[in-house]
Amino acid sequence: MIVFIYYSKICYNSLNIIDLKLKCDFFILIILFIILIMDYIKAFNNRTERYLYAVNTYPHVLDNELNTAYNMMKIDDSNTIVNIPEAGIDLKKYINQKDIIYHGFEISPDFSKFGFELCDYTNIPLNSNTVDRILVLASFHHVNPTDRKIIYNEFRRILKKGGYLIIGDVIKNSKQDTWLNTFVNKWNSNGHIGIFFNEDDKLLLEKSDFIVDIEKVKYDWIFNNKDEMIDFTINLFGLDLFEKYHNKNDIIIYIQKYLDYFENGNKCGFSWELIYFIALYP
């Protein structure tokens, strides 16, 4: 944006002084462009804030998902654990083992602004052969398969022999796939196009020298009431456009359409399912 302003100033000054109206119009155009950029930055930050609001206001909703991830990791006492990206969730509270060393990293600068340690998937600031468990939960669908191969090499670098890489993500052509890549993609102003997983993705891990098991796990996101579910869903998935054009209570109609919605007394919720790759570095 600074470069744009600099060259806009040059163009502005080059206009002939008699073209006063043209100069005024040009100046207005610059101001409108700056406002547009600032609004976009603010909206992007707001999406991060809304996501963090959802997971921090209703932390119990993801208990089943995070307990599932914890069980998949098969953690032992004194293990060194990497959670990347941490996505604003402190996995430590789900870990019962003693004397663990926990590293939570973020790959998004927008999350790092809220105090989370920033790094790149391909340059994790840890020494080689020092990590027992790596968890990558519900986020790797934003990485294309070509880059995954490079990242697997970095994961292998930091893992000890006998360590595990656990990847949990959305299943290709599942209800969650349709929800995210159709519904959320339409009603989140930033869109959502994920490259989701199936059993074939095991092959790329095996080419990176991992021994891989696969499990598909289905569990529930449970809410104390419908208001809680509405607030959590709209904020977690950043459905700003849905709020703009719909009554937010209508989100229940679409949860029922796309996902396995249920009610149990005053409680309600919907099912979620992930595929887990449990990859041993032998």
Protein backbone atom coordinates (compact mmCIF):
# COMPACT_ATOMS: atom_id res chain seq x y z
CA MET A 1 0.00 0.00 0.00
CA ILE A 2 2.94 2.35 0.74
CA VAL A 3 4.26 1.79 -2.78
CA PHE A 4 0.81 2.58 -4.19
CA ILE A 5 0.64 5.85 -2.22
CA TYR A 6 4.15 6.81 -3.35
CA TYR A 7 3.42 6.35 -7.05
CA SER A 8 -0.02 7.93 -6.67
CA LYS A 9 1.69 11.03 -5.29
CA ILE A 10 3.99 11.15 -8.33
CA CYS A 11 1.01 10.85 -10.70
CA TYR A 12 -0.87 13.46 -8.71
CA ASN A 13 2.00 15.97 -8.85
CA SER A 14 2.50 15.38 -12.57
CA LEU A 15 -1.00 16.60 -13.36
CA ASN A 16 -1.13 20.09 -14.76
CA ILE A 17 -2.12 22.69 -12.17
CA ILE A 18 -5.02 23.83 -14.34
CA ASP A 19 -6.57 20.38 -14.10
CA LEU A 20 -7.84 21.15 -10.60
CA LYS A 21 -10.98 19.08 -10.90
CA LEU A 22 -8.98 16.13 -12.24
CA LYS A 23 -6.60 16.46 -9.30
CA CYS A 24 -9.50 16.47 -6.85
CA ASP A 25 -11.05 13.39 -8.44
CA PHE A 26 -7.71 11.62 -8.40
CA PHE A 27 -7.18 12.49 -4.74
CA ILE A 28 -10.63 11.14 -3.85
CA LEU A 29 -9.84 7.91 -5.72
CA ILE A 30 -6.65 7.46 -3.66
CA ILE A 31 -8.54 8.00 -0.40
CA LEU A 32 -11.25 5.50 -1.39
CA PHE A 33 -8.63 2.91 -2.29
CA ILE A 34 -6.89 3.34 1.06
CA ILE A 35 -10.22 2.98 2.89
CA LEU A 36 -10.94 -0.20 0.92
CA ILE A 37 -7.58 -1.71 1.84
CA MET A 38 -7.95 -0.78 5.50
CA ASP A 39 -11.46 -2.27 5.59
CA TYR A 40 -10.09 -5.51 4.13
CA ILE A 41 -7.31 -5.67 6.74
CA LYS A 42 -9.80 -4.94 9.50
CA ALA A 43 -12.17 -7.62 8.20
CA PHE A 44 -9.37 -10.19 8.06
CA ASN A 45 -8.36 -9.39 11.63
CA ASN A 46 -12.00 -9.54 12.67
CA ARG A 47 -12.25 -13.09 11.28
CA THR A 48 -9.33 -14.14 13.44
CA GLU A 49 -10.84 -12.41 16.44
CA ARG A 50 -14.21 -14.06 15.82
CA TYR A 51 -12.63 -17.50 15.56
CA LEU A 52 -10.74 -16.94 18.84
CA TYR A 53 -13.94 -15.64 20.41
CA ALA A 54 -15.74 -18.87 19.48
CA VAL A 55 -13.11 -21.30 20.79
CA ASN A 56 -12.50 -19.29 23.98
CA THR A 57 -16.15 -18.57 24.80
CA TYR A 58 -17.30 -22.15 24.19
CA PRO A 59 -14.21 -24.32 24.80
CA HIS A 60 -16.30 -27.38 25.75
CA VAL A 61 -17.68 -27.65 22.20
CA LEU A 62 -14.37 -28.99 20.87
CA ASP A 63 -13.70 -31.32 23.81
CA ASN A 64 -14.55 -34.45 21.83
CA GLU A 65 -12.37 -33.39 18.90
CA LEU A 66 -9.38 -32.51 21.06
CA ASN A 67 -9.69 -35.59 23.27
CA THR A 68 -9.76 -37.68 20.09
CA ALA A 69 -6.57 -36.00 18.88
CA TYR A 70 -4.96 -36.53 22.28
CA ASN A 71 -5.80 -40.26 22.22
CA MET A 72 -4.39 -40.59 18.71
CA MET A 73 -1.05 -39.19 19.87
CA LYS A 74 -0.37 -41.97 22.42
CA ILE A 75 1.69 -39.61 24.55
CA ASP A 76 4.18 -40.92 27.11
CA ASP A 77 5.69 -39.17 30.12
CA SER A 78 8.49 -36.73 29.25
CA ASN A 79 7.50 -36.56 25.58
CA THR A 80 8.22 -33.44 23.55
CA ILE A 81 5.10 -32.41 21.63
CA VAL A 82 4.55 -30.00 18.75
CA ASN A 83 1.07 -28.69 17.93
CA ILE A 84 1.12 -26.85 14.58
CA PRO A 85 -0.84 -24.75 13.94
CA GLU A 86 -2.08 -24.24 17.48
CA ALA A 87 -5.08 -22.29 16.16
CA GLY A 88 -5.60 -20.50 19.44
CA ILE A 89 -6.21 -23.75 21.35
CA ASP A 90 -3.94 -24.84 24.18
CA LEU A 91 -3.77 -28.62 23.86
CA LYS A 92 -1.85 -28.94 27.15
CA LYS A 93 -5.02 -29.04 29.24
CA TYR A 94 -5.99 -32.32 27.55
CA ILE A 95 -2.64 -33.96 28.28
CA ASN A 96 -2.30 -35.92 31.53
CA GLN A 97 1.26 -37.22 31.18
CA LYS A 98 4.06 -35.86 33.38
CA ASP A 99 7.04 -33.72 32.45
CA ILE A 100 6.05 -33.12 28.84
CA ILE A 101 7.61 -30.35 26.79
CA TYR A 102 4.97 -28.60 24.71
CA HIS A 103 5.51 -26.34 21.70
CA GLY A 104 2.54 -24.60 20.10
CA PHE A 105 3.30 -22.82 16.83
CA GLU A 106 1.24 -20.64 14.52
CA ILE A 107 1.75 -20.32 10.76
CA SER A 108 -0.60 -17.35 10.34
CA PRO A 109 0.66 -13.81 11.07
CA ASP A 110 -2.91 -12.91 12.01
CA PHE A 111 -2.82 -15.36 14.91
CA SER A 112 0.68 -14.33 15.93
CA LYS A 113 -0.63 -10.81 16.60
CA PHE A 114 -2.54 -12.31 19.51
CA GLY A 115 0.58 -13.67 21.17
CA PHE A 116 1.03 -17.04 19.47
CA GLU A 117 4.54 -18.01 18.34
CA LEU A 118 4.93 -17.67 14.57
CA CYS A 119 6.91 -19.98 12.34
CA ASP A 120 6.76 -21.56 8.91
CA TYR A 121 5.80 -25.19 8.27
CA THR A 122 9.12 -25.65 6.47
CA ASN A 123 11.30 -23.97 9.09
CA ILE A 124 10.25 -25.04 12.57
CA PRO A 125 12.63 -23.52 15.16
CA LEU A 126 13.58 -26.79 16.86
CA ASN A 127 16.68 -28.96 16.66
CA SER A 128 16.68 -32.15 14.62
CA ASN A 129 15.55 -35.41 16.26
CA THR A 130 14.12 -33.72 19.36
CA VAL A 131 10.33 -34.24 19.05
CA ASP A 132 8.23 -37.28 20.01
CA ARG A 133 4.82 -36.24 18.70
CA ILE A 134 3.60 -33.74 16.07
CA LEU A 135 -0.10 -32.89 15.77
CA VAL A 136 -1.55 -31.15 12.70
CA LEU A 137 -5.28 -30.86 13.33
CA ALA A 138 -7.97 -29.70 10.89
CA SER A 139 -5.74 -27.23 9.07
CA PHE A 140 -3.56 -29.07 6.54
CA HIS A 141 -6.28 -28.90 3.88
CA HIS A 142 -5.03 -25.36 3.17
CA VAL A 143 -1.70 -26.79 1.95
CA ASN A 144 -1.42 -28.13 -1.60
CA PRO A 145 -0.02 -31.66 -2.11
CA THR A 146 3.24 -30.41 -3.64
CA ASP A 147 4.04 -28.37 -0.53
CA ARG A 148 2.95 -31.20 1.76
CA LYS A 149 5.87 -33.31 0.58
CA ILE A 150 8.33 -30.55 1.55
CA ILE A 151 6.63 -30.09 4.92
CA TYR A 152 6.72 -33.84 5.64
CA ASN A 153 10.48 -33.67 5.24
CA GLU A 154 10.64 -30.91 7.86
CA PHE A 155 8.43 -32.91 10.22
CA ARG A 156 10.71 -35.90 9.74
CA ARG A 157 13.74 -33.72 10.49
CA ILE A 158 12.53 -32.71 13.96
CA LEU A 159 11.06 -36.11 14.91
CA LYS A 160 13.01 -38.65 16.90
CA LYS A 161 13.19 -42.18 15.60
CA GLY A 162 10.03 -43.86 16.82
CA GLY A 163 8.17 -40.55 16.93
CA TYR A 164 4.71 -39.98 15.48
CA LEU A 165 3.17 -37.43 13.15
CA ILE A 166 -0.61 -37.27 13.55
CA ILE A 167 -2.66 -35.49 10.90
CA GLY A 168 -6.40 -35.16 11.43
CA ASP A 169 -8.44 -33.51 8.70
CA VAL A 170 -11.70 -33.42 6.78
CA ILE A 171 -12.57 -36.35 4.53
CA LYS A 172 -12.89 -35.64 0.82
CA ASN A 173 -16.53 -35.70 -0.39
CA SER A 174 -17.86 -35.91 3.18
CA LYS A 175 -20.62 -33.79 4.69
CA GLN A 176 -17.95 -31.65 6.31
CA ASP A 177 -16.33 -31.13 2.89
CA THR A 178 -19.64 -29.89 1.47
CA TRP A 179 -20.29 -27.67 4.48
CA LEU A 180 -16.88 -26.01 4.24
CA ASN A 181 -16.30 -25.82 0.49
CA THR A 182 -19.90 -25.00 -0.44
CA PHE A 183 -21.74 -23.32 2.42
CA VAL A 184 -18.84 -21.63 4.26
CA ASN A 185 -17.21 -20.75 0.93
CA LYS A 186 -20.38 -18.88 -0.04
CA TRP A 187 -21.06 -17.06 3.21
CA ASN A 188 -17.54 -16.27 4.45
CA SER A 189 -16.29 -13.17 2.63
CA ASN A 190 -12.83 -14.70 2.41
CA GLY A 191 -14.21 -17.94 0.96
CA HIS A 192 -13.08 -21.46 1.78
CA ILE A 193 -11.60 -23.96 -0.68
CA GLY A 194 -9.95 -26.85 1.13
CA ILE A 195 -7.97 -29.70 -0.45
CA PHE A 196 -9.32 -32.49 1.71
CA PHE A 197 -8.05 -36.00 2.39
CA ASN A 198 -8.83 -39.62 1.63
CA GLU A 199 -6.96 -42.92 2.02
CA ASP A 200 -4.82 -42.16 -1.05
CA ASP A 201 -3.04 -39.39 0.86
CA LYS A 202 -1.31 -42.15 2.82
CA LEU A 203 0.97 -42.73 -0.18
CA LEU A 204 2.68 -39.35 0.04
CA LEU A 205 3.48 -39.94 3.70
CA GLU A 206 4.87 -43.38 2.89
CA LYS A 207 7.10 -41.85 0.20
CA SER A 208 8.48 -39.65 2.99
CA ASP A 209 9.51 -42.81 4.90
CA PHE A 210 6.61 -42.92 7.36
CA ILE A 211 4.73 -46.09 8.31
CA VAL A 212 1.08 -45.04 8.24
CA ASP A 213 -2.15 -46.23 9.83
CA ILE A 214 -5.51 -44.62 9.06
CA GLU A 215 -8.56 -44.14 11.26
CA LYS A 216 -11.82 -42.32 10.60
CA VAL A 217 -13.43 -40.92 13.73
CA LYS A 218 -16.89 -39.42 14.13
CA TYR A 219 -17.84 -37.42 17.23
CA ASP A 220 -20.24 -34.69 18.29
CA TRP A 221 -19.91 -30.97 18.81
CA ILE A 222 -22.31 -30.47 21.73
CA PHE A 223 -23.93 -27.18 22.77
CA ASN A 224 -25.90 -26.31 25.89
CA ASN A 225 -28.62 -24.62 23.82
CA LYS A 226 -29.40 -23.37 20.31
CA ASP A 227 -28.25 -19.82 21.01
CA GLU A 228 -24.83 -21.15 21.91
CA MET A 229 -24.69 -23.23 18.73
CA ILE A 230 -25.71 -20.26 16.56
CA ASP A 231 -23.12 -17.95 18.12
CA PHE A 232 -20.32 -20.51 17.96
CA THR A 233 -21.00 -21.61 14.38
CA ILE A 234 -21.28 -18.13 12.89
CA ASN A 235 -18.09 -16.94 14.59
CA LEU A 236 -15.95 -20.07 14.22
CA PHE A 237 -16.58 -20.26 10.48
CA GLY A 238 -16.56 -16.49 9.95
CA LEU A 239 -20.00 -16.35 8.33
CA ASP A 240 -20.07 -12.57 8.02
CA LEU A 241 -22.03 -12.57 4.76
CA PHE A 242 -24.65 -14.89 6.22
CA GLU A 243 -25.19 -12.44 9.07
CA LYS A 244 -25.46 -9.61 6.56
CA TYR A 245 -28.18 -11.21 4.43
CA HIS A 246 -29.98 -13.56 6.85
CA ASN A 247 -31.38 -13.71 10.32
CA LYS A 248 -28.60 -15.47 12.22
CA ASN A 249 -31.11 -17.94 13.70
CA ASP A 250 -31.57 -19.34 10.19
CA ILE A 251 -28.15 -20.98 10.49
CA ILE A 252 -29.92 -23.91 12.19
CA ILE A 253 -31.76 -24.65 8.93
CA TYR A 254 -28.45 -25.01 7.09
CA ILE A 255 -26.82 -27.04 9.84
CA GLN A 256 -29.75 -29.45 9.52
CA LYS A 257 -29.33 -29.47 5.73
CA TYR A 258 -25.57 -30.04 5.55
CA LEU A 259 -24.64 -31.80 8.80
CA ASP A 260 -26.02 -34.46 11.18
CA TYR A 261 -27.94 -32.22 13.55
CA PHE A 262 -29.40 -33.60 16.79
CA GLU A 263 -31.27 -32.49 19.88
CA ASN A 264 -31.06 -34.12 23.31
CA GLY A 265 -33.20 -32.38 25.87
CA ASN A 266 -32.02 -28.79 26.10
CA LYS A 267 -28.73 -29.68 24.45
CA CYS A 268 -28.17 -29.82 20.71
CA GLY A 269 -25.34 -30.16 18.26
CA PHE A 270 -24.05 -31.82 15.13
CA SER A 271 -21.65 -34.59 14.23
CA TRP A 272 -18.19 -34.00 12.84
CA GLU A 273 -15.86 -36.53 11.23
CA LEU A 274 -12.14 -36.51 10.45
CA ILE A 275 -9.66 -38.91 8.91
CA TYR A 276 -6.51 -39.45 10.97
CA PHE A 277 -3.13 -40.44 9.61
CA ILE A 278 -0.98 -41.90 12.38
CA ALA A 279 2.48 -41.80 10.81
CA LEU A 280 5.39 -43.50 12.57
CA TYR A 281 8.94 -42.38 11.78
CA PRO A 282 10.78 -45.73 12.18
